[in-house]
Amino acid sequence: MHHIIHMASPAHVQHAKILLASAPNIGQTKAGTAISGLMNSAGTWIAGLGVSGGALMVGYHALMRNLSGGDGATDAHHLQGIKKVVIGTAIVAGAGGIAHFAGGLF
């Protein structure tokens, strides 16, 4: 199987540079700043509510584990719940960070 490689001519490269240079920067438009602000706000809300909710759920599972009276099955259930909540909270915090990052791209 043969592959043909086409090289761009200097005229094509110059034309592409002109097109890229004349393209507006979306971050400087009204829509771009609105989208950037929306993404940053969404990241704040996602991370803030997710981490707060995760902390409340860890507190709930810890309290229920302490009030179980030493029942091994209940302790194991709530310890597993704590592990799942910590993992989920880390994922949500990462999603909030990704939203902030995406908002900063504009």
Protein backbone atom coordinates (compact mmCIF):
# COMPACT_ATOMS: atom_id res chain seq x y z
CA MET A 1 0.00 0.00 0.00
CA HIS A 2 1.42 3.35 -1.02
CA HIS A 3 0.71 6.58 0.75
CA ILE A 4 0.83 9.84 -1.08
CA ILE A 5 1.89 12.85 0.95
CA HIS A 6 0.87 16.23 -0.41
CA MET A 7 2.88 19.21 0.71
CA ALA A 8 1.13 22.56 1.05
CA SER A 9 2.46 25.19 -1.24
CA PRO A 10 3.69 28.48 0.23
CA ALA A 11 0.64 30.19 -1.28
CA HIS A 12 -1.71 27.84 0.62
CA VAL A 13 0.19 28.41 3.86
CA GLN A 14 0.04 32.18 3.40
CA HIS A 15 -3.71 32.00 2.67
CA ALA A 16 -4.27 29.94 5.85
CA LYS A 17 -2.29 32.46 7.92
CA ILE A 18 -4.41 35.31 6.59
CA LEU A 19 -7.63 33.44 7.40
CA LEU A 20 -6.47 32.66 10.94
CA ALA A 21 -5.27 36.21 11.55
CA SER A 22 -8.58 37.69 10.42
CA ALA A 23 -10.71 35.31 12.53
CA PRO A 24 -12.19 37.05 15.58
CA ASN A 25 -11.14 35.89 19.03
CA ILE A 26 -14.32 34.51 20.56
CA GLY A 27 -13.17 35.50 24.04
CA GLN A 28 -13.33 39.17 23.07
CA THR A 29 -16.93 39.01 21.86
CA LYS A 30 -19.98 39.57 24.02
CA ALA A 31 -21.04 35.93 23.57
CA GLY A 32 -17.56 34.69 24.44
CA THR A 33 -17.42 36.61 27.71
CA ALA A 34 -20.94 35.43 28.57
CA ILE A 35 -20.03 31.80 27.91
CA SER A 36 -16.81 32.15 29.90
CA GLY A 37 -18.67 33.66 32.85
CA LEU A 38 -21.34 30.95 32.66
CA MET A 39 -18.74 28.18 32.65
CA ASN A 40 -16.88 29.69 35.59
CA SER A 41 -20.13 30.10 37.54
CA ALA A 42 -21.16 26.55 36.72
CA GLY A 43 -17.80 25.26 37.93
CA THR A 44 -18.20 27.16 41.19
CA TRP A 45 -21.70 25.83 41.76
CA ILE A 46 -20.82 22.26 40.82
CA ALA A 47 -17.75 22.14 43.04
CA GLY A 48 -19.36 24.06 45.90
CA LEU A 49 -22.56 22.03 46.10
CA GLY A 50 -20.83 18.74 45.37
CA VAL A 51 -18.20 19.12 48.06
CA SER A 52 -20.73 20.44 50.59
CA GLY A 53 -23.10 17.58 49.86
CA GLY A 54 -20.25 15.08 50.07
CA ALA A 55 -19.18 16.43 53.45
CA LEU A 56 -22.75 16.12 54.75
CA MET A 57 -23.01 12.55 53.48
CA VAL A 58 -19.67 11.57 55.05
CA GLY A 59 -20.89 13.09 58.31
CA TYR A 60 -24.14 11.14 58.08
CA HIS A 61 -22.40 7.83 57.46
CA ALA A 62 -19.88 8.49 60.24
CA LEU A 63 -22.67 9.34 62.69
CA MET A 64 -24.71 6.27 61.73
CA ARG A 65 -21.60 4.10 62.06
CA ASN A 66 -20.93 5.45 65.55
CA LEU A 67 -24.57 4.96 66.58
CA SER A 68 -24.78 1.40 65.25
CA GLY A 69 -23.96 -0.12 68.62
CA GLY A 70 -21.07 -2.20 67.34
CA ASP A 71 -23.05 -4.16 64.74
CA GLY A 72 -20.44 -5.35 62.26
CA ALA A 73 -22.73 -5.42 59.21
CA THR A 74 -23.97 -1.87 59.83
CA ASP A 75 -20.43 -0.63 60.43
CA ALA A 76 -19.26 -2.20 57.18
CA HIS A 77 -22.23 -0.74 55.30
CA HIS A 78 -21.56 2.79 56.48
CA LEU A 79 -17.80 2.49 55.99
CA GLN A 80 -18.46 1.43 52.39
CA GLY A 81 -20.83 4.38 52.06
CA ILE A 82 -18.11 6.75 53.27
CA LYS A 83 -15.68 5.36 50.68
CA LYS A 84 -18.21 5.76 47.86
CA VAL A 85 -19.06 9.32 48.91
CA VAL A 86 -15.38 10.33 49.08
CA ILE A 87 -14.78 8.95 45.58
CA GLY A 88 -17.92 10.63 44.23
CA THR A 89 -16.98 13.93 45.86
CA ALA A 90 -13.54 13.80 44.27
CA ILE A 91 -15.15 13.21 40.87
CA VAL A 92 -17.55 16.13 41.35
CA ALA A 93 -14.73 18.43 42.49
CA GLY A 94 -12.80 17.42 39.37
CA ALA A 95 -15.84 18.20 37.21
CA GLY A 96 -16.03 21.66 38.77
CA GLY A 97 -12.35 22.18 38.04
CA ILE A 98 -12.84 21.07 34.45
CA ALA A 99 -15.71 23.55 34.07
CA HIS A 100 -13.48 26.34 35.40
CA PHE A 101 -10.74 25.29 32.99
CA ALA A 102 -13.17 25.25 30.06
CA GLY A 103 -14.41 28.70 31.01
CA GLY A 104 -10.84 29.96 31.00
CA LEU A 105 -10.29 28.79 27.42
CA PHE A 106 -12.38 31.64 26.04
